Amino acid sequence: MLLVIGICKEGQLRNNESIMGSILKCKVPIVDLTSRQDLIPNTSTWRSISREACEALEEFGCFVAVYDGVTQQLDDSVFAAAEELFDLPTEVKRKNVNEKPYHGYVGQMPVIPLHEGLGIDYVTNKEDAQRFTHLMWPQGNHQFCETVHAFSNAVAELDQLVVRMIFENYGVEKHFDSHIGSKTYLLKFLKYLAPPESISMPAFPQHTDKTFLSILHQNDVNGLEVKSKDGEWISLQLPPKSYVVMAGDISMGWSNYRIRSCEHRVTMAGDKTRYSLGLFSFITGMVSVPEELVDDVHPLMYKPFDNIALINFYATKEGREAKSTLKAYCGIEKASIQSED
C-alpha cells in the first residue's frame, strides 16, 4: 500500500477518505505512517514512501504525517498536562530558564501577546523530565512527568523513522547511527490565546526553526501556516492523529540545500485557545555536508557549523535580520550565489 496519501486541494484526497473531513485547504502532502508492515526498510514500499517524504521536504519543507504511535489516552493526557502547566502562576513558569536562546519560558511579551511557551530540554531522558517537573511542582507531579516523557519518546520514534527515510533516500545510510547518537530533543509547550473579538490576528511571526526536524502536534484548534516556494501562505487544517514534520535550517544545511527549511507562522481566529506540542531535534557537535551530497550539480553550499552556535547567532540582530540565517552564518558565497540567488 502506498502510504503517501498525496497533495490535497479543496476537498480532494487519495486513499483515506476518513481523514478528508478534517482537511479544507491543504496543499501539503500527507503521509500515512500507520501500517507497520509497510514501514520495513529496504522494501519497495519503504523506498517509495521515503522518496515521497523527501520530495515533500524539498518542495514544501514539511509534510503531514498520520501516525498512531501515540495512543488516544496518551494524547488526551499530554494536552491535559499542557493545560495544567500553563495554569501555573507566571512567576513559577518564569523559572523555566535556559542558556540556549528560545529553549525556556517565553511569554508576557507585547510583540506576541497571544503566545506563551515553555520548554523541557533533553526531554527523552527521564532525569531531565523529572528535573523540569520538580522545578514547576516542588511537591512533585508524577503524572505530568510520566506523561511528557512517554509522549516525547513516542514522537522521537517518529522523528527517527523520518530521519532513516531521509538518509536512505539520499544514499547516506552509513551515517544514520552516528547522527541518531548525536541528537537531543526539546519539548516545547505552546499556547495561543484566542484574539480579541475573535478577529484574525498574528500570534507568532514567520520564521524557520534552527533544528534538524521539528514535529508539531496540536489540539483541535488550527492556526499553523506554512509558506510555499512561490510565497503563498498555506493554512493547515489538520486531521486527528496528525503530526506536522518540518525541516529546519540544520537539515537544509546538512543536505546541501536539497531539503528546504520550512518557513511558518501562526495566525489565530475564533474564540478557542490553541495548544500545540513541538518536539525539536538538535545535533551536538559539528554538522557537515556528507561528501555523497556534493557533486558538480550540487556544489558545497555550507561550511561545517555548530547547531547551538547557529541558534546563538540567530539571537543576534544580524542573525534575526538575515534573509537566511544559515547562509549568513556559514554559507559559501560562490555556491550560494549560484544556487540561492
Protein backbone atom coordinates (compact mmCIF):
# COMPACT_ATOMS: atom_id res chain seq x y z
CA MET A 1 0.00 0.00 0.00
CA LEU A 2 1.35 3.41 -0.95
CA LEU A 3 1.37 5.34 2.29
CA VAL A 4 1.77 8.81 0.88
CA ILE A 5 -1.81 9.98 0.58
CA GLY A 6 -0.81 12.86 -1.60
CA ILE A 7 -1.35 16.52 -2.16
CA CYS A 8 -4.89 17.59 -1.41
CA LYS A 9 -6.63 20.70 -2.71
CA GLU A 10 -10.13 21.84 -1.82
CA GLY A 11 -11.51 18.52 -0.72
CA GLN A 12 -9.57 16.12 -2.95
CA LEU A 13 -7.53 13.35 -1.32
CA ARG A 14 -6.34 9.93 -2.39
CA ASN A 15 -6.64 6.73 -0.37
CA ASN A 16 -8.06 7.79 3.02
CA GLU A 17 -11.45 9.47 2.87
CA SER A 18 -11.90 9.34 6.66
CA ILE A 19 -9.17 11.95 7.06
CA MET A 20 -10.60 14.23 4.41
CA GLY A 21 -13.40 15.60 6.53
CA SER A 22 -10.85 17.47 8.63
CA ILE A 23 -8.94 18.98 5.71
CA LEU A 24 -10.24 22.06 3.96
CA LYS A 25 -7.33 23.86 2.38
CA CYS A 26 -4.33 21.59 2.31
CA LYS A 27 -1.73 21.67 -0.43
CA VAL A 28 0.88 19.94 1.70
CA PRO A 29 1.46 16.20 1.15
CA ILE A 30 0.09 13.78 3.73
CA VAL A 31 1.98 10.61 4.59
CA ASP A 32 0.20 7.69 6.27
CA LEU A 33 2.61 6.02 8.68
CA THR A 34 0.10 3.78 10.43
CA SER A 35 0.79 0.48 8.63
CA ARG A 36 3.76 -1.23 10.28
CA GLN A 37 4.11 -3.82 7.53
CA ASP A 38 4.76 -1.05 5.02
CA LEU A 39 7.48 0.56 7.15
CA ILE A 40 10.08 -2.17 6.76
CA PRO A 41 13.37 -0.73 5.44
CA ASN A 42 14.75 -1.99 2.13
CA THR A 43 11.32 -2.86 0.72
CA SER A 44 9.85 -1.26 -2.39
CA THR A 45 7.06 0.36 -0.38
CA TRP A 46 9.54 1.78 2.11
CA ARG A 47 11.63 3.26 -0.69
CA SER A 48 8.53 4.76 -2.28
CA ILE A 49 7.41 6.35 0.99
CA SER A 50 10.92 7.65 1.67
CA ARG A 51 11.15 9.20 -1.77
CA GLU A 52 7.77 10.94 -1.48
CA ALA A 53 8.54 12.20 2.04
CA CYS A 54 11.83 13.68 0.83
CA GLU A 55 10.13 15.23 -2.19
CA ALA A 56 7.72 16.94 0.21
CA LEU A 57 10.62 18.22 2.33
CA GLU A 58 12.34 19.51 -0.80
CA GLU A 59 9.21 21.20 -2.18
CA PHE A 60 7.40 22.40 0.96
CA GLY A 61 9.89 21.89 3.77
CA CYS A 62 7.27 19.80 5.53
CA PHE A 63 4.60 17.14 5.30
CA VAL A 64 1.69 16.00 7.44
CA ALA A 65 2.28 12.57 8.98
CA VAL A 66 -0.65 10.44 10.12
CA TYR A 67 0.93 8.49 12.97
CA ASP A 68 -0.55 6.12 15.54
CA GLY A 69 2.49 5.72 17.77
CA VAL A 70 0.77 7.86 20.42
CA THR A 71 -2.32 6.25 21.95
CA GLN A 72 -5.51 8.26 22.34
CA GLN A 73 -5.15 8.02 26.12
CA LEU A 74 -1.61 9.42 25.99
CA ASP A 75 -2.71 12.12 23.55
CA ASP A 76 -5.51 13.21 25.88
CA SER A 77 -3.17 13.10 28.86
CA VAL A 78 -0.45 15.24 27.31
CA PHE A 79 -2.87 18.02 26.36
CA ALA A 80 -4.33 17.89 29.87
CA ALA A 81 -0.75 18.17 31.15
CA ALA A 82 -0.19 21.21 28.92
CA GLU A 83 -3.23 22.97 30.35
CA GLU A 84 -2.12 22.11 33.88
CA LEU A 85 1.32 23.57 33.15
CA PHE A 86 0.04 26.82 31.68
CA ASP A 87 -2.36 27.24 34.63
CA LEU A 88 0.62 27.66 36.98
CA PRO A 89 1.37 31.20 38.20
CA THR A 90 3.55 33.24 35.87
CA GLU A 91 6.27 33.57 38.50
CA VAL A 92 6.56 29.77 38.58
CA LYS A 93 6.67 29.42 34.80
CA ARG A 94 9.40 32.06 34.61
CA LYS A 95 11.69 29.63 36.45
CA ASN A 96 11.95 27.73 33.16
CA VAL A 97 15.20 29.37 32.06
CA ASN A 98 17.79 28.01 29.65
CA GLU A 99 21.12 29.43 28.50
CA LYS A 100 20.20 28.42 24.95
CA PRO A 101 18.03 31.08 23.30
CA TYR A 102 14.34 30.19 22.83
CA HIS A 103 14.61 26.97 24.89
CA GLY A 104 12.95 28.25 28.07
CA TYR A 105 9.89 30.27 29.04
CA VAL A 106 8.53 32.80 26.56
CA GLY A 107 5.50 34.89 27.43
CA GLN A 108 4.01 38.20 28.52
CA MET A 109 5.62 39.88 25.50
CA PRO A 110 3.82 42.86 23.89
CA VAL A 111 5.04 41.89 20.40
CA ILE A 112 3.40 38.43 20.68
CA PRO A 113 0.64 38.95 23.25
CA LEU A 114 -1.28 35.80 22.30
CA HIS A 115 1.67 33.43 22.73
CA GLU A 116 3.20 31.66 25.69
CA GLY A 117 5.67 28.76 25.69
CA LEU A 118 7.78 26.56 27.95
CA GLY A 119 10.48 24.04 27.10
CA ILE A 120 11.90 20.81 28.52
CA ASP A 121 15.42 20.26 27.22
CA TYR A 122 16.71 16.67 26.84
CA VAL A 123 13.14 15.55 27.49
CA THR A 124 13.66 11.97 26.30
CA ASN A 125 15.92 11.46 29.33
CA LYS A 126 13.81 10.63 32.38
CA GLU A 127 16.07 12.59 34.74
CA ASP A 128 15.62 15.80 32.74
CA ALA A 129 11.85 15.38 32.62
CA GLN A 130 11.91 14.89 36.40
CA ARG A 131 14.12 17.97 36.87
CA PHE A 132 11.66 20.17 34.97
CA THR A 133 8.69 18.69 36.83
CA HIS A 134 10.31 19.37 40.20
CA LEU A 135 11.06 22.95 39.11
CA MET A 136 7.39 23.56 38.35
CA TRP A 137 5.98 21.42 41.19
CA PRO A 138 8.47 21.14 44.09
CA GLN A 139 5.99 18.85 45.82
CA GLY A 140 6.10 16.55 42.80
CA ASN A 141 3.76 15.71 39.91
CA HIS A 142 4.37 12.11 38.90
CA GLN A 143 1.57 12.00 36.33
CA PHE A 144 2.88 15.05 34.47
CA CYS A 145 6.42 13.68 34.36
CA GLU A 146 5.39 10.23 33.15
CA THR A 147 3.09 11.69 30.51
CA VAL A 148 5.52 14.14 28.91
CA HIS A 149 8.37 11.62 28.98
CA ALA A 150 6.24 8.91 27.33
CA PHE A 151 4.85 11.31 24.73
CA SER A 152 8.28 12.70 23.85
CA ASN A 153 9.80 9.26 23.36
CA ALA A 154 6.86 8.16 21.20
CA VAL A 155 7.26 11.21 18.95
CA ALA A 156 11.05 10.75 18.94
CA GLU A 157 10.38 7.37 17.32
CA LEU A 158 8.54 9.21 14.53
CA ASP A 159 11.46 11.63 14.21
CA GLN A 160 13.94 8.77 13.87
CA LEU A 161 11.72 6.97 11.38
CA VAL A 162 11.67 10.05 9.15
CA VAL A 163 15.42 10.58 9.56
CA ARG A 164 16.04 7.00 8.43
CA MET A 165 13.89 7.68 5.36
CA ILE A 166 15.92 10.81 4.60
CA PHE A 167 19.30 9.13 4.99
CA GLU A 168 18.37 6.08 2.93
CA ASN A 169 16.72 8.15 0.20
CA TYR A 170 19.90 10.20 -0.23
CA GLY A 171 22.17 7.16 -0.07
CA VAL A 172 23.96 8.15 3.13
CA GLU A 173 22.52 5.49 5.45
CA LYS A 174 26.00 4.65 6.73
CA HIS A 175 25.85 7.93 8.68
CA PHE A 176 22.47 7.18 10.28
CA ASP A 177 23.64 5.63 13.55
CA SER A 178 26.15 8.38 14.32
CA HIS A 179 23.52 11.00 13.50
CA ILE A 180 20.97 9.49 15.87
CA GLY A 181 23.64 9.22 18.55
CA SER A 182 24.29 12.95 18.32
CA LYS A 183 20.63 14.06 18.62
CA THR A 184 18.99 15.78 21.56
CA TYR A 185 15.33 16.69 21.91
CA LEU A 186 13.50 19.71 23.27
CA LEU A 187 9.76 19.50 24.00
CA LYS A 188 8.01 22.85 23.73
CA PHE A 189 4.56 23.50 25.18
CA LEU A 190 2.97 26.24 23.07
CA LYS A 191 -0.21 28.17 23.90
CA TYR A 192 -2.01 30.68 21.71
CA LEU A 193 -4.90 32.68 23.12
CA ALA A 194 -7.98 33.49 21.09
CA PRO A 195 -7.72 37.03 19.70
CA PRO A 196 -9.90 39.87 20.99
CA GLU A 197 -13.38 39.81 19.47
CA SER A 198 -12.39 36.66 17.54
CA ILE A 199 -10.75 38.69 14.76
CA SER A 200 -7.92 37.15 12.76
CA MET A 201 -4.63 38.17 14.34
CA PRO A 202 -0.94 37.19 14.01
CA ALA A 203 0.05 35.05 17.00
CA PHE A 204 3.65 34.16 16.12
CA PRO A 205 5.78 35.73 13.37
CA GLN A 206 7.13 33.90 10.34
CA HIS A 207 10.40 32.06 10.90
CA THR A 208 12.32 28.87 10.25
CA ASP A 209 13.43 26.57 13.05
CA LYS A 210 17.10 26.05 13.86
CA THR A 211 16.52 22.30 14.15
CA PHE A 212 17.15 19.20 12.10
CA LEU A 213 13.45 18.33 12.27
CA SER A 214 10.54 19.86 14.18
CA ILE A 215 7.44 17.76 14.81
CA LEU A 216 4.31 19.71 15.77
CA HIS A 217 1.07 18.28 17.18
CA GLN A 218 -1.93 20.44 18.03
CA ASN A 219 -5.32 20.22 19.72
CA ASP A 220 -8.43 20.78 17.60
CA VAL A 221 -7.72 24.49 17.01
CA ASN A 222 -5.96 25.36 13.76
CA GLY A 223 -3.70 28.33 13.08
CA LEU A 224 -0.45 26.98 11.66
CA GLU A 225 0.50 28.33 8.24
CA VAL A 226 3.44 27.35 6.02
CA LYS A 227 4.93 29.28 3.13
CA SER A 228 5.24 27.69 -0.30
CA LYS A 229 8.14 28.23 -2.70
CA ASP A 230 6.10 30.78 -4.63
CA GLY A 231 5.35 32.80 -1.50
CA GLU A 232 1.82 31.54 -0.88
CA TRP A 233 0.79 31.03 2.74
CA ILE A 234 -0.95 27.68 3.18
CA SER A 235 -3.33 27.27 6.11
CA LEU A 236 -3.12 23.75 7.53
CA GLN A 237 -6.47 22.27 8.55
CA LEU A 238 -5.13 19.20 10.30
CA PRO A 239 -6.83 15.83 10.79
CA PRO A 240 -6.76 13.86 14.06
CA LYS A 241 -3.62 11.84 14.84
CA SER A 242 -1.61 14.09 12.55
CA TYR A 243 1.85 15.50 13.13
CA VAL A 244 3.44 18.21 11.01
CA VAL A 245 7.00 17.14 10.21
CA MET A 246 9.06 20.24 9.40
CA ALA A 247 12.60 20.57 8.12
CA GLY A 248 14.73 23.08 9.98
CA ASP A 249 17.82 25.01 8.98
CA ILE A 250 20.07 22.17 10.16
CA SER A 251 18.64 19.62 7.73
CA MET A 252 18.77 22.23 4.97
CA GLY A 253 22.47 22.74 5.65
CA TRP A 254 23.24 19.05 6.15
CA SER A 255 21.52 18.13 2.86
CA ASN A 256 23.47 20.79 0.94
CA TYR A 257 20.27 22.72 0.21
CA ARG A 258 18.32 19.75 -1.17
CA ILE A 259 15.85 19.92 1.72
CA ARG A 260 14.07 23.24 2.18
CA SER A 261 13.76 24.73 5.66
CA CYS A 262 10.06 25.36 6.32
CA GLU A 263 9.03 28.97 6.83
CA HIS A 264 5.95 29.07 9.04
CA ARG A 265 3.84 31.27 11.32
CA VAL A 266 0.72 31.10 13.49
CA THR A 267 -2.43 33.15 12.88
CA MET A 268 -5.29 32.94 15.36
CA ALA A 269 -9.00 33.46 14.77
CA GLY A 270 -12.15 32.36 16.57
CA ASP A 271 -12.76 32.08 20.30
CA LYS A 272 -10.78 28.99 21.35
CA THR A 273 -7.31 28.60 22.84
CA ARG A 274 -4.82 26.68 20.73
CA TYR A 275 -2.38 24.27 22.35
CA SER A 276 0.48 22.80 20.38
CA LEU A 277 3.33 20.47 21.33
CA GLY A 278 6.60 20.66 19.45
CA LEU A 279 9.39 18.09 19.61
CA PHE A 280 12.51 19.80 18.27
CA SER A 281 15.66 17.84 17.41
CA PHE A 282 19.17 19.28 17.58
CA ILE A 283 22.62 17.95 16.69
CA THR A 284 25.57 18.02 19.08
CA GLY A 285 28.99 18.58 17.57
CA MET A 286 29.77 19.91 14.12
CA VAL A 287 27.33 19.47 11.25
CA SER A 288 28.94 18.80 7.87
CA VAL A 289 27.50 18.04 4.45
CA PRO A 290 28.15 14.35 3.63
CA GLU A 291 30.58 14.04 0.73
CA GLU A 292 27.98 11.94 -1.12
CA LEU A 293 25.76 15.03 -1.35
CA VAL A 294 28.36 17.20 -3.09
CA ASP A 295 28.85 17.00 -6.86
CA ASP A 296 29.02 19.21 -9.95
CA VAL A 297 25.27 19.79 -9.88
CA HIS A 298 25.28 20.39 -6.11
CA PRO A 299 28.46 22.31 -5.20
CA LEU A 300 29.19 22.63 -1.49
CA MET A 301 26.88 25.30 -0.08
CA TYR A 302 27.80 25.43 3.60
CA LYS A 303 30.90 25.23 5.74
CA PRO A 304 30.76 22.91 8.78
CA PHE A 305 28.76 24.55 11.56
CA ASP A 306 27.60 24.02 15.12
CA ASN A 307 23.86 23.77 15.78
CA ILE A 308 23.85 25.66 19.09
CA ALA A 309 26.22 28.31 17.74
CA LEU A 310 23.72 28.87 14.91
CA ILE A 311 20.94 29.37 17.47
CA ASN A 312 23.11 31.87 19.33
CA PHE A 313 23.79 33.71 16.06
CA TYR A 314 20.04 33.81 15.33
CA ALA A 315 19.55 35.53 18.69
CA THR A 316 21.69 38.46 17.49
CA LYS A 317 20.37 41.40 15.47
CA GLU A 318 22.40 40.30 12.45
CA GLY A 319 21.09 36.76 12.66
CA ARG A 320 17.45 37.79 13.02
CA GLU A 321 17.62 40.27 10.15
CA ALA A 322 19.38 37.96 7.70
CA LYS A 323 17.30 36.71 4.79
CA SER A 324 18.77 33.27 5.50
CA THR A 325 20.30 32.80 8.94
CA LEU A 326 22.17 29.70 7.81
CA LYS A 327 23.60 31.35 4.70
CA ALA A 328 24.69 34.39 6.71
CA TYR A 329 26.34 32.19 9.32
CA CYS A 330 28.16 29.56 7.27
CA GLY A 331 27.22 29.91 3.60
CA ILE A 332 29.89 29.54 0.93
CA GLU A 333 29.41 32.68 -1.12
CA LYS A 334 30.14 31.41 -4.64
CA ALA A 335 27.90 28.37 -4.27
CA SER A 336 25.22 30.45 -2.55
CA ILE A 337 25.09 32.90 -5.45
CA GLN A 338 24.73 30.08 -7.96
CA SER A 339 22.09 28.14 -6.07
CA GLU A 340 20.11 30.56 -3.90
CA ASP A 341 20.01 33.94 -5.62
